[in-house]
Amino acid sequence: MKGPFGTGMVRLSGTDALFLSAETPSWHQHVGGLAVVDPSGTDRFSFEAVRESTNERLPLVPKFRWKLKEVPLHLDRPVWVEDEDFDIRRHVRRIAVPPPGGRREIGELLGTLMGYQLDRRHPLWEMWYVDGVVGGQVAVVTKFHHCLMDGVSGAGLAELLLDLEPEPPPRLPRGDLRAAPSDPSEWELLARALIPTIETPVKIAEYLLRSAIRGTTILSRRKVNPMPMGVSGPCFNGPIGAHRTCSFVSVALEDIRALKDHLGVTINDAVLAVVAGALRSHMLRHGDKPKGPLVAGIPVSTRIEGDTKEGNKMAIMSVSLATDIEDPIERLWSIHCSTRSAKELTQAVRARAIQSVGEVAPPFLLSLATHAAWAADIGRHAPVVQNVLVSNVPGPHEPLYICGCKVSGLYAASVLVANQGLNITVLSYTDRIDFGVTADADLLSDPWDVSDAIPDALAELMDAAGLGKPSEVYDPFDR
């Protein structure tokens, strides 16, 4: 495998390096997922079997055997090198959830696992086999750093590490995925970093110029595509701490599709409307009365068709959730107009190609700026741009299996950013949509108050649209 310099060196992209530099003791930059399985129908399933199966498939995900190697003085982006001391036992571990092992106990455990950072001395991922889940079930929690891959390739990761049938044929690596990146010496890294470091002032000047041009593009389209701004007030907006708390819930995909077809919107519009209804309900119950609608930051993949590389390729667009509108149908139409405008603006801005700031500034400058902003608690004083992150990730259409056992639930956990203590990641799986809620434990102590409101928000929308009651969805924890 050749890196960008014509050798076997594989350097992080600017966006991936930015995720590393942006990490502080409170701003974790890892994402995760929770799979729930019932092993009662097979004798193949065990902790040892899951660990061995994962180990056998690592050639399909080569980055899971790579670790970071920093450039001296952090003058340039780190490179990936093979971990010569890789030990699967360090990454796949076992833990038990306290009884009764229901959704709240699993959510608390998931929040605990998401609340500490990965060890950069080793490959940046880990997997936990969780015993004690209600009904004799087992949960599998996977956690990896955002610099390894984005949400879209992360969803594809499940299809690589898991199976599409209970008794699958052997799976072989594709192409040259077994090839490992070269391990350059400290002197080689330093020498390669000198020229980029000398060019930094010029790169920053070019970056600022391109940013100004892009800003002009945004300003010129304000009347056609107004960019919504977030509002102050919600309890989940504030300084972010280190602790996380998680919850999850599922709705039927056919209900979301019914809303889409009946009202002539997109699936993403309908999902955002359900989230908006749940957040509006939460704010009303807790006395939050912001002067205006909440604004969601929506990660948008910039990955072109056929691109299967694991690196991050994404942008963020701002969408009004219209939480100040009481009527659910009118709220949905407002969201639809906002998403359409945001997409048009995003396309116009993309035409003004600009590098990631991670490509321009050396890591030591980015890290210095990030930690200075964190220490100064800049989120408390800066204007609110967005209130919540909402990601809609397409997942597998077919059931997944782990060592012969069907996955009955697949829920995501994700990152929080400055002043935004709530992330809702939506993952479609077979005939359902699974909502994963990640929150700052100090700002939102009970994330179930949000996730439990999601089915109610769907019911409100369907009733207003004359579509009847929501479909029943299998709940693996209802035992």
Protein backbone atom coordinates (compact mmCIF):
# COMPACT_ATOMS: atom_id res chain seq x y z
CA MET A 1 0.00 0.00 0.00
CA LYS A 2 1.50 3.28 -1.07
CA GLY A 3 1.09 6.48 0.83
CA PRO A 4 0.86 9.99 -0.60
CA PHE A 5 4.63 10.35 -0.93
CA GLY A 6 5.20 7.42 -3.29
CA THR A 7 6.52 5.22 -0.48
CA GLY A 8 4.81 2.89 1.94
CA MET A 9 4.22 5.76 4.37
CA VAL A 10 0.54 6.42 5.17
CA ARG A 11 -0.04 9.85 6.65
CA LEU A 12 -3.34 10.91 8.18
CA SER A 13 -5.51 13.15 6.06
CA GLY A 14 -6.03 16.71 7.23
CA THR A 15 -9.55 15.99 8.48
CA ASP A 16 -8.46 12.86 10.34
CA ALA A 17 -5.55 14.71 11.94
CA LEU A 18 -7.95 17.47 12.94
CA PHE A 19 -9.97 14.97 14.98
CA LEU A 20 -6.80 14.10 16.88
CA SER A 21 -5.79 17.70 17.46
CA ALA A 22 -9.30 18.66 18.56
CA GLU A 23 -9.35 16.12 21.39
CA THR A 24 -9.21 17.51 24.93
CA PRO A 25 -9.95 15.89 28.32
CA SER A 26 -13.63 16.78 27.73
CA TRP A 27 -14.00 16.76 23.95
CA HIS A 28 -13.62 13.05 23.16
CA GLN A 29 -13.28 12.17 19.48
CA HIS A 30 -14.34 8.54 19.40
CA VAL A 31 -17.57 6.94 18.22
CA GLY A 32 -19.13 3.63 19.13
CA GLY A 33 -21.87 1.13 18.55
CA LEU A 34 -23.95 -1.34 20.56
CA ALA A 35 -25.12 -4.67 19.12
CA VAL A 36 -27.56 -6.88 21.06
CA VAL A 37 -27.65 -10.63 20.32
CA ASP A 38 -29.51 -13.67 21.66
CA PRO A 39 -27.14 -16.69 21.82
CA SER A 40 -29.77 -19.19 22.95
CA GLY A 41 -30.16 -20.79 19.51
CA THR A 42 -26.54 -21.85 18.99
CA ASP A 43 -23.60 -23.35 20.84
CA ARG A 44 -21.09 -21.50 18.64
CA PHE A 45 -21.43 -18.22 20.48
CA SER A 46 -19.02 -17.35 23.29
CA PHE A 47 -16.56 -14.66 24.29
CA GLU A 48 -13.68 -16.70 22.88
CA ALA A 49 -15.54 -17.25 19.60
CA VAL A 50 -16.30 -13.53 19.19
CA ARG A 51 -12.68 -12.58 19.89
CA GLU A 52 -11.31 -15.19 17.51
CA SER A 53 -13.79 -14.23 14.77
CA THR A 54 -12.83 -10.57 15.13
CA ASN A 55 -9.13 -11.43 14.99
CA GLU A 56 -9.59 -13.48 11.82
CA ARG A 57 -11.30 -10.58 10.03
CA LEU A 58 -8.82 -7.85 10.89
CA PRO A 59 -7.15 -8.17 7.45
CA LEU A 60 -10.43 -6.78 6.09
CA VAL A 61 -9.97 -3.69 8.29
CA PRO A 62 -6.20 -3.10 8.21
CA LYS A 63 -6.32 0.12 10.26
CA PHE A 64 -7.38 -1.97 13.25
CA ARG A 65 -3.80 -3.27 13.40
CA TRP A 66 -2.21 0.14 12.87
CA LYS A 67 -1.16 2.65 15.49
CA LEU A 68 -0.14 6.28 15.31
CA LYS A 69 3.42 7.49 15.07
CA GLU A 70 3.85 11.18 15.83
CA VAL A 71 6.19 13.45 13.93
CA PRO A 72 8.87 14.96 16.21
CA LEU A 73 7.72 18.29 17.70
CA HIS A 74 4.30 17.63 16.04
CA LEU A 75 5.48 19.55 12.99
CA ASP A 76 3.35 17.49 10.60
CA ARG A 77 0.44 15.09 10.63
CA PRO A 78 1.06 11.67 12.22
CA VAL A 79 1.53 8.53 10.16
CA TRP A 80 0.07 5.06 10.54
CA VAL A 81 2.46 2.20 11.31
CA GLU A 82 1.89 -1.48 11.94
CA ASP A 83 1.66 -2.36 15.64
CA GLU A 84 4.32 -5.05 15.92
CA ASP A 85 3.12 -5.88 19.44
CA PHE A 86 -0.55 -6.14 18.48
CA ASP A 87 -2.49 -8.37 20.87
CA ILE A 88 -6.18 -8.99 20.26
CA ARG A 89 -6.64 -9.54 23.99
CA ARG A 90 -5.87 -5.86 24.60
CA HIS A 91 -8.70 -4.82 22.31
CA VAL A 92 -11.46 -7.39 22.80
CA ARG A 93 -12.40 -7.65 26.47
CA ARG A 94 -15.21 -8.93 28.66
CA ILE A 95 -17.40 -7.17 31.18
CA ALA A 96 -20.79 -7.75 32.85
CA VAL A 97 -23.69 -5.35 33.22
CA PRO A 98 -25.31 -5.12 36.69
CA PRO A 99 -28.72 -6.81 37.09
CA PRO A 100 -31.37 -6.70 35.81
CA GLY A 101 -29.36 -5.98 32.64
CA GLY A 102 -32.10 -3.94 30.97
CA ARG A 103 -31.91 -0.93 28.68
CA ARG A 104 -31.02 1.52 31.45
CA GLU A 105 -28.17 -0.61 32.79
CA ILE A 106 -26.81 -1.12 29.27
CA GLY A 107 -27.15 2.60 28.54
CA GLU A 108 -25.25 3.48 31.69
CA LEU A 109 -22.47 1.04 30.82
CA LEU A 110 -22.28 2.38 27.26
CA GLY A 111 -21.98 5.91 28.62
CA THR A 112 -19.18 4.82 30.96
CA LEU A 113 -17.25 3.19 28.11
CA MET A 114 -17.74 6.29 25.94
CA GLY A 115 -16.52 8.55 28.76
CA TYR A 116 -12.80 7.78 28.59
CA GLN A 117 -10.36 8.19 25.74
CA LEU A 118 -8.52 5.54 23.78
CA ASP A 119 -4.84 4.86 24.43
CA ARG A 120 -2.86 6.34 21.53
CA ARG A 121 0.03 3.95 22.14
CA HIS A 122 -2.06 1.19 20.53
CA PRO A 123 -4.52 0.84 17.64
CA LEU A 124 -7.41 3.18 18.37
CA TRP A 125 -10.29 0.79 18.92
CA GLU A 126 -11.70 -1.64 21.44
CA MET A 127 -14.55 -4.11 21.73
CA TRP A 128 -16.41 -5.18 24.86
CA TYR A 129 -18.35 -8.45 25.25
CA VAL A 130 -21.07 -7.66 27.79
CA ASP A 131 -22.59 -10.48 29.86
CA GLY A 132 -25.71 -10.26 32.00
CA VAL A 133 -28.12 -8.68 29.53
CA VAL A 134 -31.80 -9.38 30.27
CA GLY A 135 -33.18 -12.63 28.84
CA GLY A 136 -29.79 -14.34 28.64
CA GLN A 137 -28.68 -12.02 25.86
CA VAL A 138 -25.23 -10.54 25.22
CA ALA A 139 -24.28 -7.05 24.08
CA VAL A 140 -21.19 -6.21 22.03
CA VAL A 141 -19.89 -2.64 22.28
CA THR A 142 -17.41 -1.44 19.65
CA LYS A 143 -15.56 1.85 20.04
CA PHE A 144 -13.08 3.49 17.66
CA HIS A 145 -11.49 6.88 17.18
CA HIS A 146 -13.05 9.18 14.63
CA CYS A 147 -9.70 9.53 12.86
CA LEU A 148 -9.99 5.91 11.73
CA MET A 149 -13.23 6.35 9.81
CA ASP A 150 -16.43 8.35 9.54
CA GLY A 151 -19.98 7.22 10.24
CA VAL A 152 -20.68 5.89 6.76
CA SER A 153 -17.58 3.68 6.65
CA GLY A 154 -18.19 2.86 10.32
CA ALA A 155 -21.59 1.44 9.42
CA GLY A 156 -19.88 -0.59 6.70
CA LEU A 157 -17.48 -1.86 9.35
CA ALA A 158 -20.31 -3.89 10.89
CA GLU A 159 -20.79 -5.72 7.60
CA LEU A 160 -17.08 -6.55 7.48
CA LEU A 161 -16.69 -7.80 11.05
CA LEU A 162 -20.09 -9.52 11.19
CA ASP A 163 -21.94 -11.93 8.88
CA LEU A 164 -24.92 -11.64 6.57
CA GLU A 165 -26.07 -15.20 7.32
CA PRO A 166 -25.88 -17.60 10.28
CA GLU A 167 -23.49 -20.03 8.53
CA PRO A 168 -21.34 -17.93 6.20
CA PRO A 169 -18.60 -19.20 3.91
CA PRO A 170 -15.01 -18.16 4.73
CA ARG A 171 -14.31 -14.52 3.91
CA LEU A 172 -11.03 -13.59 2.29
CA PRO A 173 -9.26 -10.23 2.32
CA ARG A 174 -9.73 -8.02 -0.73
CA GLY A 175 -6.76 -7.03 -2.87
CA ASP A 176 -3.64 -5.88 -1.00
CA LEU A 177 -5.35 -5.12 2.32
CA ARG A 178 -2.76 -7.24 4.13
CA ALA A 179 -0.02 -4.77 3.16
CA ALA A 180 1.29 -2.79 6.11
CA PRO A 181 2.51 0.81 5.97
CA SER A 182 6.21 1.45 6.35
CA ASP A 183 7.61 2.55 9.71
CA PRO A 184 9.76 5.64 9.03
CA SER A 185 12.50 6.69 11.40
CA GLU A 186 12.26 9.80 13.58
CA TRP A 187 14.83 11.51 11.36
CA GLU A 188 12.89 10.69 8.19
CA LEU A 189 9.69 12.06 9.69
CA LEU A 190 11.45 15.20 10.84
CA ALA A 191 13.10 15.73 7.46
CA ARG A 192 9.79 15.30 5.61
CA ALA A 193 8.14 17.77 8.01
CA LEU A 194 10.62 20.60 7.50
CA ILE A 195 9.39 21.79 4.10
CA PRO A 196 5.66 21.71 5.05
CA THR A 197 6.53 23.60 8.25
CA ILE A 198 8.44 26.29 6.35
CA GLU A 199 5.48 26.63 3.99
CA THR A 200 2.97 27.00 6.85
CA PRO A 201 2.66 30.84 6.71
CA VAL A 202 1.95 30.70 2.97
CA LYS A 203 -0.56 27.85 3.41
CA ILE A 204 -2.37 29.70 6.17
CA ALA A 205 -2.55 32.87 4.06
CA GLU A 206 -3.99 30.88 1.14
CA TYR A 207 -6.42 29.16 3.50
CA LEU A 208 -7.63 32.47 4.91
CA LEU A 209 -8.09 33.85 1.40
CA ARG A 210 -10.11 30.82 0.28
CA SER A 211 -12.12 30.99 3.51
CA ALA A 212 -12.92 34.64 2.80
CA ILE A 213 -14.07 33.73 -0.71
CA ARG A 214 -16.23 30.95 0.69
CA GLY A 215 -17.64 33.35 3.27
CA THR A 216 -18.52 35.76 0.47
CA THR A 217 -20.35 32.94 -1.29
CA ILE A 218 -22.38 32.26 1.85
CA LEU A 219 -23.20 35.94 2.35
CA SER A 220 -24.23 36.36 -1.29
CA ARG A 221 -26.76 33.54 -0.93
CA ARG A 222 -28.23 34.59 2.41
CA LYS A 223 -31.52 35.74 0.86
CA VAL A 224 -31.93 32.54 -1.16
CA ASN A 225 -30.43 30.15 1.39
CA PRO A 226 -30.53 31.73 4.86
CA MET A 227 -28.34 29.90 7.35
CA PRO A 228 -30.18 29.38 10.66
CA MET A 229 -28.41 30.18 13.91
CA GLY A 230 -28.86 28.29 17.16
CA VAL A 231 -30.55 29.76 20.20
CA SER A 232 -29.69 29.91 23.88
CA GLY A 233 -31.75 28.19 26.53
CA PRO A 234 -31.83 24.37 26.23
CA CYS A 235 -30.41 22.52 29.22
CA PHE A 236 -28.19 20.37 26.99
CA ASN A 237 -26.23 23.39 25.73
CA GLY A 238 -23.33 24.38 27.98
CA PRO A 239 -19.74 23.51 28.91
CA ILE A 240 -18.95 19.88 28.07
CA GLY A 241 -17.39 17.64 30.71
CA ALA A 242 -15.68 14.27 30.42
CA HIS A 243 -18.60 12.02 31.44
CA ARG A 244 -21.14 10.58 29.03
CA THR A 245 -24.57 9.02 29.32
CA CYS A 246 -26.40 7.07 26.61
CA SER A 247 -29.86 5.84 25.70
CA PHE A 248 -31.54 4.37 22.63
CA VAL A 249 -34.90 3.58 21.07
CA SER A 250 -36.27 2.17 17.82
CA VAL A 251 -39.13 2.95 15.44
CA ALA A 252 -40.38 1.16 12.33
CA LEU A 253 -38.80 2.18 9.03
CA GLU A 254 -42.14 1.66 7.27
CA ASP A 255 -43.69 4.43 9.40
CA ILE A 256 -40.97 6.89 8.39
CA ARG A 257 -41.44 5.87 4.75
CA ALA A 258 -45.18 6.33 5.08
CA LEU A 259 -44.64 9.91 6.25
CA LYS A 260 -42.20 10.51 3.41
CA ASP A 261 -44.59 9.23 0.73
CA HIS A 262 -47.72 10.82 2.17
CA LEU A 263 -46.22 14.29 2.63
CA GLY A 264 -43.73 14.35 -0.23
CA VAL A 265 -40.63 14.90 1.89
CA THR A 266 -37.43 12.88 2.34
CA ILE A 267 -36.72 10.17 4.88
CA ASN A 268 -34.15 12.47 6.47
CA ASP A 269 -36.79 15.23 6.77
CA ALA A 270 -39.14 12.82 8.54
CA VAL A 271 -36.39 11.63 10.89
CA LEU A 272 -35.47 15.22 11.76
CA ALA A 273 -39.13 16.02 12.40
CA VAL A 274 -39.36 13.11 14.85
CA VAL A 275 -36.21 14.35 16.61
CA ALA A 276 -37.61 17.90 16.66
CA GLY A 277 -40.86 16.70 18.21
CA ALA A 278 -38.98 14.80 20.91
CA LEU A 279 -36.74 17.78 21.74
CA ARG A 280 -39.70 20.17 21.79
CA SER A 281 -41.52 17.84 24.20
CA HIS A 282 -38.39 17.61 26.38
CA MET A 283 -38.03 21.38 26.54
CA LEU A 284 -41.69 21.91 27.41
CA ARG A 285 -41.46 19.40 30.25
CA HIS A 286 -38.31 21.01 31.65
CA GLY A 287 -39.33 24.64 31.25
CA ASP A 288 -36.78 25.41 28.51
CA LYS A 289 -38.20 28.28 26.45
CA PRO A 290 -35.62 29.40 23.87
CA LYS A 291 -36.55 32.40 21.75
CA GLY A 292 -36.54 30.64 18.42
CA PRO A 293 -36.06 27.18 16.92
CA LEU A 294 -33.26 24.79 17.78
CA VAL A 295 -30.70 24.30 15.01
CA ALA A 296 -29.17 20.92 14.22
CA GLY A 297 -25.72 20.32 12.82
CA ILE A 298 -26.12 17.61 10.18
CA PRO A 299 -22.96 15.74 9.08
CA VAL A 300 -23.08 15.26 5.32
CA SER A 301 -20.90 12.72 3.58
CA THR A 302 -18.76 14.10 0.75
CA ARG A 303 -17.73 10.58 -0.21
CA ILE A 304 -18.14 9.84 -3.91
CA GLU A 305 -19.79 6.65 -5.10
CA GLY A 306 -17.46 3.66 -4.97
CA ASP A 307 -15.11 5.23 -2.42
CA THR A 308 -14.66 2.60 0.33
CA LYS A 309 -11.68 4.14 2.13
CA GLU A 310 -12.11 4.42 5.90
CA GLY A 311 -10.99 8.04 6.29
CA ASN A 312 -13.35 10.91 7.09
CA LYS A 313 -15.03 12.71 4.20
CA MET A 314 -17.74 14.93 5.57
CA ALA A 315 -19.10 18.43 5.97
CA ILE A 316 -21.60 19.92 8.44
CA MET A 317 -24.75 21.78 7.39
CA SER A 318 -27.09 23.74 9.65
CA VAL A 319 -30.81 22.92 9.62
CA SER A 320 -33.63 24.51 11.60
CA LEU A 321 -35.62 21.97 13.63
CA ALA A 322 -38.57 24.39 13.84
CA THR A 323 -39.14 23.49 17.49
CA ASP A 324 -40.98 26.78 17.98
CA ILE A 325 -43.82 25.56 15.73
CA GLU A 326 -46.61 23.75 17.56
CA ASP A 327 -48.30 21.98 14.63
CA PRO A 328 -46.25 18.82 13.76
CA ILE A 329 -47.05 18.89 10.03
CA GLU A 330 -46.20 22.57 9.72
CA ARG A 331 -43.01 21.83 11.68
CA LEU A 332 -42.09 19.07 9.23
CA TRP A 333 -42.65 21.33 6.23
CA SER A 334 -40.47 24.01 7.80
CA ILE A 335 -37.71 21.43 8.33
CA HIS A 336 -38.10 20.26 4.72
CA CYS A 337 -37.60 23.82 3.45
CA SER A 338 -34.58 24.30 5.72
CA THR A 339 -32.88 21.06 4.65
CA ARG A 340 -33.46 21.84 0.97
CA SER A 341 -31.97 25.31 1.41
CA ALA A 342 -29.04 23.92 3.43
CA LYS A 343 -28.26 21.36 0.71
CA GLU A 344 -28.28 24.05 -1.97
CA LEU A 345 -25.98 26.23 0.11
CA THR A 346 -23.68 23.27 0.82
CA GLN A 347 -23.41 22.51 -2.89
CA ALA A 348 -22.61 26.15 -3.67
CA VAL A 349 -19.94 26.27 -0.96
CA ARG A 350 -18.40 22.98 -2.13
CA ALA A 351 -17.83 24.59 -5.52
CA ARG A 352 -15.33 26.83 -3.73
CA ALA A 353 -12.96 23.98 -2.97
CA ILE A 354 -10.99 24.45 0.21
CA GLN A 355 -8.64 22.20 2.11
CA SER A 356 -9.29 21.08 5.64
CA VAL A 357 -7.48 23.30 8.13
CA GLY A 358 -5.77 20.05 9.21
CA GLU A 359 -4.00 20.04 5.85
CA VAL A 360 -2.78 23.59 6.34
CA ALA A 361 -1.73 24.08 9.95
CA PRO A 362 0.70 21.72 11.74
CA PRO A 363 -0.73 19.64 14.61
CA PHE A 364 1.07 21.60 17.32
CA LEU A 365 -0.72 24.82 16.25
CA LEU A 366 -4.12 23.09 16.02
CA SER A 367 -3.67 21.40 19.39
CA LEU A 368 -2.52 24.66 20.97
CA ALA A 369 -5.57 26.49 19.63
CA THR A 370 -7.98 23.73 20.68
CA HIS A 371 -6.64 23.46 24.22
CA ALA A 372 -6.59 27.24 24.59
CA ALA A 373 -10.25 27.38 23.55
CA TRP A 374 -11.10 24.54 25.92
CA ALA A 375 -9.23 26.14 28.84
CA ALA A 376 -10.93 29.48 28.19
CA ASP A 377 -14.34 27.75 28.05
CA ILE A 378 -14.93 29.53 24.76
CA GLY A 379 -18.20 27.68 24.20
CA ARG A 380 -19.77 29.59 27.07
CA HIS A 381 -18.99 32.96 25.49
CA ALA A 382 -19.21 32.23 21.76
CA PRO A 383 -22.52 32.69 19.91
CA VAL A 384 -24.61 29.53 19.60
CA VAL A 385 -24.33 28.29 16.02
CA GLN A 386 -25.95 24.87 16.49
CA ASN A 387 -27.74 23.28 19.44
CA VAL A 388 -27.48 19.58 18.70
CA LEU A 389 -25.76 17.17 16.32
CA VAL A 390 -28.07 14.81 14.42
CA SER A 391 -26.53 12.16 12.14
CA ASN A 392 -28.55 9.89 9.87
CA VAL A 393 -26.38 6.96 8.81
CA PRO A 394 -27.64 4.33 6.36
CA GLY A 395 -27.10 0.91 7.86
CA PRO A 396 -27.41 -2.67 6.58
CA HIS A 397 -30.71 -3.70 4.98
CA GLU A 398 -30.19 -7.37 5.79
CA PRO A 399 -29.87 -8.92 9.28
CA LEU A 400 -26.36 -9.26 10.68
CA TYR A 401 -25.04 -12.24 12.63
CA ILE A 402 -22.26 -12.73 15.17
CA CYS A 403 -20.96 -16.28 15.41
CA GLY A 404 -24.33 -17.63 14.26
CA CYS A 405 -26.47 -15.29 16.41
CA LYS A 406 -28.75 -12.65 14.89
CA VAL A 407 -28.22 -9.02 15.89
CA SER A 408 -31.57 -7.80 17.20
CA GLY A 409 -30.56 -4.20 17.88
CA LEU A 410 -27.84 -1.91 16.51
CA TYR A 411 -27.42 1.47 18.22
CA ALA A 412 -24.79 4.17 17.76
CA ALA A 413 -22.98 6.46 20.21
CA SER A 414 -21.05 9.47 19.01
CA VAL A 415 -19.10 12.63 19.76
CA LEU A 416 -20.08 15.84 21.52
CA VAL A 417 -18.63 19.20 20.52
CA ALA A 418 -18.12 22.43 22.42
CA ASN A 419 -21.28 23.74 24.04
CA GLN A 420 -23.41 20.95 22.50
CA GLY A 421 -24.12 18.31 25.12
CA LEU A 422 -26.39 16.18 22.95
CA ASN A 423 -25.81 13.99 19.90
CA ILE A 424 -28.52 11.89 18.25
CA THR A 425 -27.20 9.36 15.75
CA VAL A 426 -29.80 7.52 13.69
CA LEU A 427 -28.90 4.16 12.13
CA SER A 428 -31.25 2.26 9.84
CA TYR A 429 -31.13 -1.50 10.33
CA THR A 430 -33.31 -3.99 8.41
CA ASP A 431 -36.94 -2.89 8.93
CA ARG A 432 -36.31 -0.36 11.70
CA ILE A 433 -34.54 2.86 12.58
CA ASP A 434 -32.46 2.79 15.76
CA PHE A 435 -31.87 6.11 17.53
CA GLY A 436 -28.74 6.37 19.68
CA VAL A 437 -28.60 9.29 22.13
CA THR A 438 -25.25 10.43 23.57
CA ALA A 439 -25.24 13.25 26.13
CA ASP A 440 -23.03 15.04 28.60
CA ALA A 441 -23.87 13.41 31.93
CA ASP A 442 -23.79 16.71 33.81
CA LEU A 443 -25.95 18.66 31.36
CA LEU A 444 -28.51 15.94 30.62
CA SER A 445 -28.51 13.39 33.43
CA ASP A 446 -31.38 11.32 32.01
CA PRO A 447 -31.08 10.85 28.22
CA TRP A 448 -34.02 8.44 28.37
CA ASP A 449 -36.24 11.49 28.73
CA VAL A 450 -35.25 12.35 25.14
CA SER A 451 -35.22 8.85 23.63
CA ASP A 452 -38.55 7.89 25.23
CA ALA A 453 -40.11 10.95 23.60
CA ILE A 454 -39.13 9.81 20.10
CA PRO A 455 -41.93 7.20 19.63
CA ASP A 456 -44.40 9.74 21.00
CA ALA A 457 -43.19 12.33 18.48
CA LEU A 458 -43.63 9.79 15.68
CA ALA A 459 -47.15 9.00 16.90
CA GLU A 460 -47.99 12.71 16.95
CA LEU A 461 -46.81 13.13 13.36
CA MET A 462 -48.63 10.07 12.07
CA ASP A 463 -51.85 11.07 13.79
CA ALA A 464 -51.67 14.58 12.35
CA ALA A 465 -51.06 13.08 8.88
CA GLY A 466 -53.99 10.67 9.24
CA LEU A 467 -51.72 7.60 9.02
CA GLY A 468 -52.95 5.85 12.15
CA LYS A 469 -50.82 4.51 14.96
CA PRO A 470 -47.10 3.62 14.71
CA SER A 471 -46.16 0.01 13.98
CA GLU A 472 -44.91 -2.18 16.78
CA VAL A 473 -41.15 -2.68 16.83
CA TYR A 474 -39.34 -5.61 18.40
CA ASP A 475 -37.57 -4.51 21.57
CA PRO A 476 -34.71 -6.84 22.62
CA PHE A 477 -34.91 -5.50 26.17
CA ASP A 478 -38.63 -6.17 26.58
CA ARG A 479 -38.25 -9.59 28.20
